[in-house]
């Protein structure tokens, strides 16, 4: 499949991709995946407390390394 972008959409995509430091193609693919492929919930809440807790959680897109979470690194 080939998608042809208009000049305004292409400029916006390039600008956001540059700000985020990613390739425009990857940014467009990610946006399409988020829009059309709904992620299935990994965890099903068992009660109201878990439902509220999961409702507050959000994916920040950052994963810390094991070294960053080590006891020595926490106190530096």
Protein backbone atom coordinates (compact mmCIF):
# COMPACT_ATOMS: atom_id res chain seq x y z
CA UNK A 1 0.00 0.00 0.00
CA UNK A 2 1.23 3.45 -0.86
CA UNK A 3 -0.13 6.56 0.83
CA UNK A 4 0.36 9.97 -0.75
CA UNK A 5 0.49 12.82 1.77
CA UNK A 6 -0.54 16.36 1.04
CA UNK A 7 2.05 19.10 1.59
CA UNK A 8 0.56 20.28 4.91
CA UNK A 9 0.40 16.78 6.40
CA UNK A 10 3.89 15.93 5.18
CA UNK A 11 5.31 19.13 6.71
CA UNK A 12 3.58 18.45 10.04
CA UNK A 13 4.83 14.85 10.07
CA UNK A 14 8.40 15.92 9.30
CA UNK A 15 8.31 18.60 12.01
CA UNK A 16 7.05 16.26 14.73
CA UNK A 17 9.42 13.48 13.68
CA UNK A 18 12.35 15.86 13.84
CA UNK A 19 11.33 17.08 17.31
CA UNK A 20 11.05 13.50 18.54
CA UNK A 21 14.26 12.41 16.84
CA UNK A 22 12.65 9.60 14.83
CA UNK A 23 12.22 8.85 11.15
CA UNK A 24 8.99 10.25 9.68
CA UNK A 25 8.08 6.78 8.37
CA UNK A 26 8.31 5.28 11.87
CA UNK A 27 6.24 8.09 13.35
CA UNK A 28 3.53 7.64 10.71
CA UNK A 29 3.50 3.87 11.20
CA UNK A 30 3.22 4.25 14.97
CA UNK A 31 0.33 6.72 14.60
CA UNK A 32 -1.52 4.36 12.26
CA UNK A 33 -0.99 1.40 14.59
CA UNK A 34 -2.28 3.38 17.58
CA UNK A 35 -5.33 4.51 15.62
CA UNK A 36 -6.36 1.24 13.98
CA UNK A 37 -4.95 -1.57 16.12
CA UNK A 38 -6.35 -1.38 19.64
CA UNK A 39 -4.01 -2.91 22.19
CA UNK A 40 -5.58 -5.74 24.13
CA UNK A 41 -5.49 -5.30 27.89
CA UNK A 42 -2.76 -7.43 29.41
CA UNK A 43 -4.11 -7.23 32.93
CA UNK A 44 -7.76 -7.75 33.77
CA UNK A 45 -8.67 -6.03 37.06
CA UNK A 46 -10.13 -8.35 39.68
CA UNK A 47 -11.85 -5.72 41.79
CA UNK A 48 -12.65 -2.00 42.01
CA UNK A 49 -9.29 -1.14 43.61
CA UNK A 50 -7.34 -2.71 40.75
CA UNK A 51 -9.66 -1.10 38.20
CA UNK A 52 -8.98 2.36 39.66
CA UNK A 53 -5.24 1.70 39.92
CA UNK A 54 -5.02 0.61 36.28
CA UNK A 55 -7.11 3.62 35.30
CA UNK A 56 -4.46 5.92 36.77
CA UNK A 57 -1.55 4.17 35.08
CA UNK A 58 -0.18 5.44 31.80
CA UNK A 59 2.57 4.32 29.47
CA UNK A 60 5.38 6.86 29.55
CA UNK A 61 7.35 5.06 26.87
CA UNK A 62 10.47 4.87 29.03
CA UNK A 63 12.05 1.79 30.49
CA UNK A 64 14.90 2.18 32.96
CA UNK A 65 17.83 -0.19 32.85
CA UNK A 66 18.55 -2.60 35.69
CA UNK A 67 21.67 -0.57 36.48
CA UNK A 68 19.62 2.61 36.90
CA UNK A 69 17.43 0.82 39.43
CA UNK A 70 20.31 -0.68 41.42
CA UNK A 71 20.84 0.37 45.01
CA UNK A 72 24.09 2.16 44.19
CA UNK A 73 22.61 4.23 41.36
CA UNK A 74 19.51 5.30 43.31
CA UNK A 75 21.56 7.18 45.90
CA UNK A 76 23.77 9.06 43.44
